[in-house]
Protein backbone atom coordinates (compact mmCIF):
# COMPACT_ATOMS: atom_id res chain seq x y z
CA UNK A 1 45.18 187.14 -64.37
CA UNK A 2 48.79 188.26 -63.82
CA UNK A 3 49.62 184.96 -62.05
CA UNK A 4 48.12 182.98 -64.87
CA UNK A 5 50.33 184.77 -67.50
CA UNK A 6 53.35 184.28 -65.29
CA UNK A 7 52.57 180.61 -64.83
CA UNK A 8 52.12 180.24 -68.56
CA UNK A 9 55.48 181.88 -69.20
CA UNK A 10 57.13 179.58 -66.64
CA UNK A 11 55.60 176.52 -68.25
CA UNK A 12 56.68 177.68 -71.70
CA UNK A 13 60.19 178.30 -70.45
CA UNK A 14 60.40 174.90 -68.84
CA UNK A 15 59.04 173.21 -71.95
CA UNK A 16 61.43 174.99 -74.30
CA UNK A 17 64.41 174.43 -71.97
CA UNK A 18 63.48 170.69 -71.85
CA UNK A 19 63.36 170.63 -75.70
CA UNK A 20 66.69 172.47 -76.01
CA UNK A 21 68.25 170.15 -73.37
CA UNK A 22 67.09 167.13 -75.39
CA UNK A 23 68.45 168.62 -78.57
CA UNK A 24 71.82 169.32 -76.98
CA UNK A 25 71.94 165.77 -75.57
CA UNK A 26 71.13 164.17 -78.96
CA UNK A 27 73.53 166.43 -80.90
CA UNK A 28 76.33 165.96 -78.34
CA UNK A 29 75.94 162.19 -78.47
CA UNK A 30 75.49 161.62 -82.19
CA UNK A 31 77.83 164.42 -83.29
CA UNK A 32 80.79 162.22 -82.54
CA UNK A 33 79.67 159.74 -85.11
CA UNK A 34 79.62 162.35 -87.93
CA UNK A 35 83.15 162.83 -89.13
CA UNK A 36 84.69 165.37 -91.44
CA UNK A 37 86.65 164.06 -94.48
CA UNK A 38 89.72 162.31 -93.24
CA UNK A 39 87.88 160.99 -90.25
CA UNK A 40 89.81 162.87 -87.56
CA UNK A 41 87.39 165.65 -86.52
CA UNK A 42 83.76 165.26 -85.52
CA UNK A 43 81.00 167.57 -86.73
CA UNK A 44 79.30 169.18 -83.78
CA UNK A 45 76.05 171.15 -84.00
CA UNK A 46 75.67 171.14 -80.19
CA UNK A 47 76.43 174.81 -79.81
CA UNK A 48 73.42 175.96 -81.88
CA UNK A 49 70.76 175.10 -79.28
CA UNK A 50 73.18 176.35 -76.58
CA UNK A 51 73.18 179.78 -78.27
CA UNK A 52 69.39 179.72 -78.72
CA UNK A 53 68.83 178.91 -75.06
CA UNK A 54 71.43 181.46 -73.90
CA UNK A 55 69.82 184.17 -76.07
CA UNK A 56 66.23 183.30 -74.92
CA UNK A 57 66.82 182.84 -71.20
CA UNK A 58 70.21 184.28 -70.38
CA UNK A 59 73.62 183.19 -69.20
CA UNK A 60 72.31 180.65 -66.70
CA UNK A 61 70.36 178.78 -69.37
CA UNK A 62 73.39 178.84 -71.66
CA UNK A 63 75.56 177.48 -68.86
CA UNK A 64 73.05 174.70 -68.16
CA UNK A 65 72.92 173.65 -71.83
CA UNK A 66 76.65 173.80 -72.16
CA UNK A 67 76.98 171.63 -69.03
CA UNK A 68 74.54 169.12 -70.51
CA UNK A 69 76.68 168.81 -73.63
CA UNK A 70 79.69 168.16 -71.38
CA UNK A 71 77.96 165.43 -69.41
CA UNK A 72 76.70 163.71 -72.58
CA UNK A 73 80.20 163.84 -74.06
CA UNK A 74 81.40 161.49 -71.31
CA UNK A 75 79.39 158.57 -72.76
CA UNK A 76 80.74 159.00 -76.30
CA UNK A 77 83.51 157.05 -77.99
CA UNK A 78 85.62 160.28 -78.28
CA UNK A 79 85.64 160.61 -74.45
CA UNK A 80 87.47 157.30 -74.08
CA UNK A 81 90.51 158.70 -75.84
CA UNK A 82 90.66 161.67 -73.45
CA UNK A 83 89.88 159.61 -70.37
CA UNK A 84 92.82 157.40 -71.33
CA UNK A 85 95.12 160.43 -71.04
CA UNK A 86 93.76 162.09 -67.88
CA UNK A 87 90.36 161.46 -66.28
CA UNK A 88 90.21 164.54 -63.97
CA UNK A 89 91.69 166.73 -66.70
CA UNK A 90 89.10 165.54 -69.20
CA UNK A 91 86.18 166.11 -66.81
CA UNK A 92 87.39 169.64 -65.85
CA UNK A 93 88.15 170.71 -69.39
CA UNK A 94 84.92 169.40 -70.92
CA UNK A 95 82.65 170.79 -68.22
CA UNK A 96 84.32 174.17 -67.93
CA UNK A 97 84.44 174.73 -71.68
CA UNK A 98 80.76 173.80 -72.13
CA UNK A 99 79.45 175.80 -69.19
CA UNK A 100 81.58 178.94 -69.96
CA UNK A 101 80.75 178.84 -73.68
CA UNK A 102 77.02 178.85 -72.94
CA UNK A 103 77.34 181.42 -70.10
CA UNK A 104 79.42 183.82 -72.26
CA UNK A 105 77.04 183.48 -75.17
CA UNK A 106 74.14 184.46 -72.96
CA UNK A 107 76.05 187.29 -71.38
CA UNK A 108 77.12 188.74 -74.70
CA UNK A 109 73.58 188.47 -76.03
CA UNK A 110 72.17 190.16 -72.98
CA UNK A 111 74.72 193.02 -73.20
CA UNK A 112 74.13 193.71 -76.90
CA UNK A 113 70.37 192.91 -77.20
CA UNK A 114 69.20 196.47 -76.55
CA UNK A 115 71.74 197.90 -79.00
CA UNK A 116 70.83 195.54 -81.87
CA UNK A 117 69.34 192.06 -81.59
CA UNK A 118 70.83 190.86 -84.85
CA UNK A 119 74.31 191.93 -83.77
CA UNK A 120 73.67 190.30 -80.42
CA UNK A 121 72.82 186.98 -82.05
CA UNK A 122 75.83 187.07 -84.43
CA UNK A 123 78.34 187.98 -81.69
CA UNK A 124 76.94 185.41 -79.23
CA UNK A 125 76.98 182.77 -82.01
CA UNK A 126 80.69 183.62 -82.54
CA UNK A 127 81.58 183.86 -78.86
CA UNK A 128 80.20 180.44 -78.02
CA UNK A 129 82.57 178.32 -80.22
CA UNK A 130 85.51 180.75 -79.60
CA UNK A 131 85.19 180.32 -75.76
CA UNK A 132 84.54 176.56 -76.19
CA UNK A 133 87.68 176.06 -78.27
CA UNK A 134 89.83 178.45 -76.19
CA UNK A 135 89.07 176.61 -72.99
CA UNK A 136 89.71 173.28 -74.74
CA UNK A 137 93.13 174.53 -75.87
CA UNK A 138 93.92 175.79 -72.34
CA UNK A 139 92.88 172.40 -70.94
CA UNK A 140 95.23 170.70 -73.44
CA UNK A 141 98.09 172.82 -72.17
CA UNK A 142 97.32 172.27 -68.51
CA UNK A 143 96.29 168.61 -68.48
CA UNK A 144 97.55 166.98 -71.68
CA UNK A 145 100.85 168.76 -72.40
CA UNK A 146 102.99 165.61 -72.41
CA UNK A 147 100.71 164.06 -75.06
CA UNK A 148 100.67 167.30 -77.08
CA UNK A 149 104.47 167.57 -76.96
CA UNK A 150 104.88 163.92 -77.99
CA UNK A 151 102.48 164.41 -80.91
CA UNK A 152 104.16 167.63 -81.99
CA UNK A 153 107.59 165.98 -81.93
CA UNK A 154 106.29 163.08 -83.97
CA UNK A 155 104.82 165.43 -86.57
CA UNK A 156 107.87 167.73 -86.55
CA UNK A 157 105.80 170.80 -85.61
CA UNK A 158 105.39 173.19 -82.73
CA UNK A 159 103.09 172.50 -79.82
CA UNK A 160 100.79 175.32 -80.87
CA UNK A 161 100.78 174.19 -84.52
CA UNK A 162 100.03 170.60 -83.45
CA UNK A 163 97.11 171.61 -81.25
CA UNK A 164 95.60 173.84 -84.03
CA UNK A 165 95.93 171.26 -86.74
CA UNK A 166 95.17 168.02 -84.90
CA UNK A 167 92.99 169.07 -81.95
CA UNK A 168 91.08 172.02 -83.28
CA UNK A 169 91.39 171.83 -87.09
CA UNK A 170 88.27 171.93 -89.15
CA UNK A 171 86.00 171.19 -86.25
CA UNK A 172 86.29 174.76 -84.93
CA UNK A 173 85.97 176.28 -88.39
CA UNK A 174 82.85 174.20 -89.04
CA UNK A 175 81.29 175.20 -85.68
CA UNK A 176 82.05 178.87 -86.25
CA UNK A 177 80.71 178.96 -89.82
CA UNK A 178 77.60 176.98 -88.96
CA UNK A 179 76.81 179.29 -86.02
CA UNK A 180 77.26 182.41 -88.17
CA UNK A 181 75.26 180.98 -91.09
CA UNK A 182 72.41 179.93 -88.72
CA UNK A 183 72.36 183.26 -86.88
CA UNK A 184 69.40 184.60 -88.96
CA UNK A 185 67.46 181.40 -88.18
CA UNK A 186 68.27 181.79 -84.47
CA UNK A 187 67.07 185.39 -84.62
CA UNK A 188 63.84 184.28 -86.28
CA UNK A 189 63.23 181.78 -83.51
CA UNK A 190 63.85 184.54 -80.95
CA UNK A 191 61.51 186.91 -82.74
CA UNK A 192 58.70 184.32 -82.82
CA UNK A 193 59.28 183.53 -79.15
CA UNK A 194 59.27 187.25 -78.14
CA UNK A 195 55.94 187.83 -79.98
CA UNK A 196 54.26 184.92 -78.19
CA UNK A 197 55.29 186.07 -74.71
């Protein structure tokens, strides 16, 4: 009987991870087509299933889902801009930011879950886009600094100001607010999942 329950849990985990992986892939691909007003920044909902997977199954699942979002990004129109600047830098930045964002979200959730599950969900939902954006900015400084400097000079602003306004801008704010607003829904999904297991 114990083996049957364990097998059922494994099958449920595989099925849910497959569903979350598909969601991440679809959101990562089509998110680039949904633009914020002004047309510069894309709306990304990719981090929501990453946080759900990280909270349900831990840092490894979060890292997997973040990695999937990175791989899918490479076939989007937005990737062509970055590949034109630096192919290895784009690959490293995109993969590291996705993997670490998911891993850190899962780690934070795991650390805070016993203290308070609601707090754990909110903090992991905040950590995910913060890590994602921070690694992206670090990648810009390491791999794309010449482009950033040229853009900053053309706009008459500092390198930091240019990166915040033109590379991060409203996209980060949207991701952060969306994750925070959807935290109660994520918690509800987790509660339903925990009751079934």
